[in-house]
Amino acid sequence: MNLKDISKEELESMSYDEIAYLILEKNGKKMKLLDLFKKVCQALELPEETVENRIADFFELLSINKKFILLPNGYWDLSTNHVQDIVVEDEEDSDNLELEENEEDRMEEESSEDEDIFYDNDLDDSDEEDDDLKDLVIIDDEENISE
């Protein structure tokens, strides 16, 4: 559908993103945000101040609408003109992923079981420390000076 074929009343009842869609569809090429919005304002015969005052709202409209896609360097285009990369996992990769997840789950279960057991390592070490200390001799500095 061409913008020239649409009456002024119909254009005024359309939203900015609907008009932008028609412009991009007609042009068949990507456009900068400002250029696209200027064309929308020209189609609606809006004053120049509208471009400055409503450009942020127009950007938000395009960002939310999934019919549009933001390209590098600030260009906008119709999403239908661009193919999105779809990643398909191999069957072997998904099997390996499942095995890794199962192993992680098993290790988490084992670690949680270990946390429930209380070990008192101090009791075992205390006997050995006492044996080491039996040969210890305490020297008083005052005794050492007097001799």
C-alpha atoms as a PDB file:
ATOM      1  CA  MET A   1       0.000   0.000   0.000  1.00  0.00           C
ATOM      2  CA  ASN A   2       1.302   3.430  -0.939  1.00  0.00           C
ATOM      3  CA  LEU A   3       1.026   6.467   1.334  1.00  0.00           C
ATOM      4  CA  LYS A   4      -0.344   8.558  -1.545  1.00  0.00           C
ATOM      5  CA  ASP A   5      -3.272   6.158  -1.870  1.00  0.00           C
ATOM      6  CA  ILE A   6      -4.310   6.718   1.742  1.00  0.00           C
ATOM      7  CA  SER A   7      -6.583   9.644   2.571  1.00  0.00           C
ATOM      8  CA  LYS A   8      -5.499  12.306   5.062  1.00  0.00           C
ATOM      9  CA  GLU A   9      -8.210  11.173   7.509  1.00  0.00           C
ATOM     10  CA  GLU A  10      -6.976   7.577   7.395  1.00  0.00           C
ATOM     11  CA  LEU A  11      -3.373   8.687   7.886  1.00  0.00           C
ATOM     12  CA  GLU A  12      -4.348  10.759  10.905  1.00  0.00           C
ATOM     13  CA  SER A  13      -6.062   7.743  12.445  1.00  0.00           C
ATOM     14  CA  MET A  14      -2.916   5.619  12.015  1.00  0.00           C
ATOM     15  CA  SER A  15      -0.127   5.440  14.589  1.00  0.00           C
ATOM     16  CA  TYR A  16       3.411   6.600  13.859  1.00  0.00           C
ATOM     17  CA  ASP A  17       4.733   3.047  13.749  1.00  0.00           C
ATOM     18  CA  GLU A  18       2.069   1.978  11.242  1.00  0.00           C
ATOM     19  CA  ILE A  19       3.055   4.830   8.932  1.00  0.00           C
ATOM     20  CA  ALA A  20       6.758   4.039   9.446  1.00  0.00           C
ATOM     21  CA  TYR A  21       6.030   0.444   8.466  1.00  0.00           C
ATOM     22  CA  LEU A  22       4.449   1.599   5.209  1.00  0.00           C
ATOM     23  CA  ILE A  23       7.401   3.914   4.473  1.00  0.00           C
ATOM     24  CA  LEU A  24       9.996   1.192   5.058  1.00  0.00           C
ATOM     25  CA  GLU A  25       7.943  -1.291   3.082  1.00  0.00           C
ATOM     26  CA  LYS A  26       7.662   1.113   0.133  1.00  0.00           C
ATOM     27  CA  ASN A  27      11.348   2.136   0.191  1.00  0.00           C
ATOM     28  CA  GLY A  28      12.574  -1.406   0.639  1.00  0.00           C
ATOM     29  CA  LYS A  29      15.723  -0.219   2.415  1.00  0.00           C
ATOM     30  CA  LYS A  30      16.872   0.617   5.917  1.00  0.00           C
ATOM     31  CA  MET A  31      16.657   4.175   7.227  1.00  0.00           C
ATOM     32  CA  LYS A  32      18.044   6.256  10.069  1.00  0.00           C
ATOM     33  CA  LEU A  33      15.594   7.030  12.864  1.00  0.00           C
ATOM     34  CA  LEU A  34      15.530  10.778  12.252  1.00  0.00           C
ATOM     35  CA  ASP A  35      15.008  10.406   8.500  1.00  0.00           C
ATOM     36  CA  LEU A  36      12.224   7.894   9.026  1.00  0.00           C
ATOM     37  CA  PHE A  37      10.432  10.083  11.558  1.00  0.00           C
ATOM     38  CA  LYS A  38      10.740  13.126   9.296  1.00  0.00           C
ATOM     39  CA  LYS A  39       8.998  11.152   6.548  1.00  0.00           C
ATOM     40  CA  VAL A  40       6.252  10.149   8.986  1.00  0.00           C
ATOM     41  CA  CYS A  41       5.777  13.803   9.993  1.00  0.00           C
ATOM     42  CA  GLN A  42       5.737  14.881   6.339  1.00  0.00           C
ATOM     43  CA  ALA A  43       3.062  12.303   5.562  1.00  0.00           C
ATOM     44  CA  LEU A  44       0.960  13.675   8.399  1.00  0.00           C
ATOM     45  CA  GLU A  45       1.857  17.266   7.498  1.00  0.00           C
ATOM     46  CA  LEU A  46       3.040  17.979  11.047  1.00  0.00           C
ATOM     47  CA  PRO A  47       5.173  21.027  11.931  1.00  0.00           C
ATOM     48  CA  GLU A  48       8.973  20.725  12.272  1.00  0.00           C
ATOM     49  CA  GLU A  49       8.776  21.070  16.088  1.00  0.00           C
ATOM     50  CA  THR A  50       6.980  17.726  16.206  1.00  0.00           C
ATOM     51  CA  VAL A  51      10.125  15.976  15.021  1.00  0.00           C
ATOM     52  CA  GLU A  52      12.165  17.460  17.859  1.00  0.00           C
ATOM     53  CA  ASN A  53       9.493  16.985  20.522  1.00  0.00           C
ATOM     54  CA  ARG A  54       8.392  13.434  19.724  1.00  0.00           C
ATOM     55  CA  ILE A  55      11.506  11.685  18.370  1.00  0.00           C
ATOM     56  CA  ALA A  56      12.075   9.918  21.718  1.00  0.00           C
ATOM     57  CA  ASP A  57       8.504   8.597  21.740  1.00  0.00           C
ATOM     58  CA  PHE A  58       8.938   7.409  18.168  1.00  0.00           C
ATOM     59  CA  PHE A  59      12.144   5.584  19.109  1.00  0.00           C
ATOM     60  CA  GLU A  60      10.332   3.861  21.965  1.00  0.00           C
ATOM     61  CA  LEU A  61       7.499   2.846  19.635  1.00  0.00           C
ATOM     62  CA  LEU A  62       9.892   1.226  17.188  1.00  0.00           C
ATOM     63  CA  SER A  63      11.859  -0.450  19.969  1.00  0.00           C
ATOM     64  CA  ILE A  64       8.774  -2.089  21.430  1.00  0.00           C
ATOM     65  CA  ASN A  65       7.207  -3.110  18.115  1.00  0.00           C
ATOM     66  CA  LYS A  66       8.601  -6.431  16.909  1.00  0.00           C
ATOM     67  CA  LYS A  67       7.899  -5.517  13.291  1.00  0.00           C
ATOM     68  CA  PHE A  68      11.003  -3.310  13.384  1.00  0.00           C
ATOM     69  CA  ILE A  69      14.624  -4.148  13.973  1.00  0.00           C
ATOM     70  CA  LEU A  70      17.479  -1.868  15.011  1.00  0.00           C
ATOM     71  CA  LEU A  71      20.533  -2.489  12.867  1.00  0.00           C
ATOM     72  CA  PRO A  72      24.141  -1.437  13.453  1.00  0.00           C
ATOM     73  CA  ASN A  73      24.960   2.262  12.995  1.00  0.00           C
ATOM     74  CA  GLY A  74      21.459   3.374  14.028  1.00  0.00           C
ATOM     75  CA  TYR A  75      19.530   2.096  11.013  1.00  0.00           C
ATOM     76  CA  TRP A  76      15.994   0.736  11.311  1.00  0.00           C
ATOM     77  CA  ASP A  77      14.366  -1.786   9.027  1.00  0.00           C
ATOM     78  CA  LEU A  78      11.503  -4.246   8.944  1.00  0.00           C
ATOM     79  CA  SER A  79      12.156  -7.484  10.819  1.00  0.00           C
ATOM     80  CA  THR A  80      10.805  -9.504   7.902  1.00  0.00           C
ATOM     81  CA  ASN A  81      13.771  -8.342   5.801  1.00  0.00           C
ATOM     82  CA  HIS A  82      16.280  -9.926   8.179  1.00  0.00           C
ATOM     83  CA  VAL A  83      16.853 -13.529   9.150  1.00  0.00           C
ATOM     84  CA  GLN A  84      17.651 -14.224  12.771  1.00  0.00           C
ATOM     85  CA  ASP A  85      20.283 -16.802  13.645  1.00  0.00           C
ATOM     86  CA  ILE A  86      18.690 -19.892  15.098  1.00  0.00           C
ATOM     87  CA  VAL A  87      20.999 -22.262  16.933  1.00  0.00           C
ATOM     88  CA  VAL A  88      20.100 -25.934  16.751  1.00  0.00           C
ATOM     89  CA  GLU A  89      21.926 -28.241  19.132  1.00  0.00           C
ATOM     90  CA  ASP A  90      23.235 -31.568  17.922  1.00  0.00           C
ATOM     91  CA  GLU A  91      21.821 -34.621  19.605  1.00  0.00           C
ATOM     92  CA  GLU A  92      25.276 -35.532  20.937  1.00  0.00           C
ATOM     93  CA  ASP A  93      25.718 -32.080  22.461  1.00  0.00           C
ATOM     94  CA  SER A  94      22.378 -32.276  24.246  1.00  0.00           C
ATOM     95  CA  ASP A  95      23.241 -35.754  25.598  1.00  0.00           C
ATOM     96  CA  ASN A  96      26.550 -34.452  26.932  1.00  0.00           C
ATOM     97  CA  LEU A  97      24.767 -31.493  28.463  1.00  0.00           C
ATOM     98  CA  GLU A  98      22.319 -33.806  30.227  1.00  0.00           C
ATOM     99  CA  LEU A  99      25.177 -35.940  31.560  1.00  0.00           C
ATOM    100  CA  GLU A 100      26.971 -32.864  32.878  1.00  0.00           C
ATOM    101  CA  GLU A 101      23.799 -31.624  34.563  1.00  0.00           C
ATOM    102  CA  ASN A 102      23.189 -35.037  36.165  1.00  0.00           C
ATOM    103  CA  GLU A 103      26.767 -35.142  37.435  1.00  0.00           C
ATOM    104  CA  GLU A 104      26.441 -31.649  38.916  1.00  0.00           C
ATOM    105  CA  ASP A 105      23.200 -32.648  40.652  1.00  0.00           C
ATOM    106  CA  ARG A 106      24.864 -35.775  42.098  1.00  0.00           C
ATOM    107  CA  MET A 107      27.815 -33.775  43.406  1.00  0.00           C
ATOM    108  CA  GLU A 108      25.490 -31.227  45.014  1.00  0.00           C
ATOM    109  CA  GLU A 109      23.600 -34.029  46.765  1.00  0.00           C
ATOM    110  CA  GLU A 110      26.833 -35.543  48.077  1.00  0.00           C
ATOM    111  CA  SER A 111      28.087 -32.196  49.353  1.00  0.00           C
ATOM    112  CA  SER A 112      24.807 -31.541  51.143  1.00  0.00           C
ATOM    113  CA  GLU A 113      25.055 -34.971  52.817  1.00  0.00           C
ATOM    114  CA  ASP A 114      28.596 -34.187  53.980  1.00  0.00           C
ATOM    115  CA  GLU A 115      27.426 -30.927  55.528  1.00  0.00           C
ATOM    116  CA  ASP A 116      25.100 -32.845  57.858  1.00  0.00           C
ATOM    117  CA  ILE A 117      28.003 -34.803  59.431  1.00  0.00           C
ATOM    118  CA  PHE A 118      29.897 -33.087  62.251  1.00  0.00           C
ATOM    119  CA  TYR A 119      33.562 -33.906  62.629  1.00  0.00           C
ATOM    120  CA  ASP A 120      35.514 -32.848  65.691  1.00  0.00           C
ATOM    121  CA  ASN A 121      39.058 -32.724  64.459  1.00  0.00           C
ATOM    122  CA  ASP A 122      40.270 -30.996  67.615  1.00  0.00           C
ATOM    123  CA  LEU A 123      39.941 -34.166  69.689  1.00  0.00           C
ATOM    124  CA  ASP A 124      42.268 -36.121  67.454  1.00  0.00           C
ATOM    125  CA  ASP A 125      44.905 -33.387  67.282  1.00  0.00           C
ATOM    126  CA  SER A 126      44.921 -32.592  70.994  1.00  0.00           C
ATOM    127  CA  ASP A 127      46.584 -35.862  71.961  1.00  0.00           C
ATOM    128  CA  GLU A 128      49.434 -35.321  69.549  1.00  0.00           C
ATOM    129  CA  GLU A 129      49.960 -31.735  70.715  1.00  0.00           C
ATOM    130  CA  ASP A 130      50.231 -32.845  74.327  1.00  0.00           C
ATOM    131  CA  ASP A 131      52.951 -35.318  73.411  1.00  0.00           C
ATOM    132  CA  ASP A 132      54.904 -32.590  71.652  1.00  0.00           C
ATOM    133  CA  LEU A 133      54.654 -30.279  74.625  1.00  0.00           C
ATOM    134  CA  LYS A 134      55.921 -32.722  77.273  1.00  0.00           C
ATOM    135  CA  ASP A 135      59.546 -32.048  76.329  1.00  0.00           C
ATOM    136  CA  LEU A 136      59.088 -28.296  76.402  1.00  0.00           C
ATOM    137  CA  VAL A 137      61.092 -26.417  79.003  1.00  0.00           C
ATOM    138  CA  ILE A 138      59.970 -23.014  80.225  1.00  0.00           C
ATOM    139  CA  ILE A 139      62.717 -20.538  80.957  1.00  0.00           C
ATOM    140  CA  ASP A 140      62.011 -17.479  83.014  1.00  0.00           C
ATOM    141  CA  ASP A 141      63.999 -14.429  81.855  1.00  0.00           C
ATOM    142  CA  GLU A 142      64.651 -13.292  85.423  1.00  0.00           C
ATOM    143  CA  GLU A 143      66.260 -16.598  86.328  1.00  0.00           C
ATOM    144  CA  ASN A 144      68.420 -16.435  83.246  1.00  0.00           C
ATOM    145  CA  ILE A 145      69.691 -12.949  84.155  1.00  0.00           C
ATOM    146  CA  SER A 146      70.592 -13.812  87.720  1.00  0.00           C
ATOM    147  CA  GLU A 147      72.776 -16.773  86.747  1.00  0.00           C
END
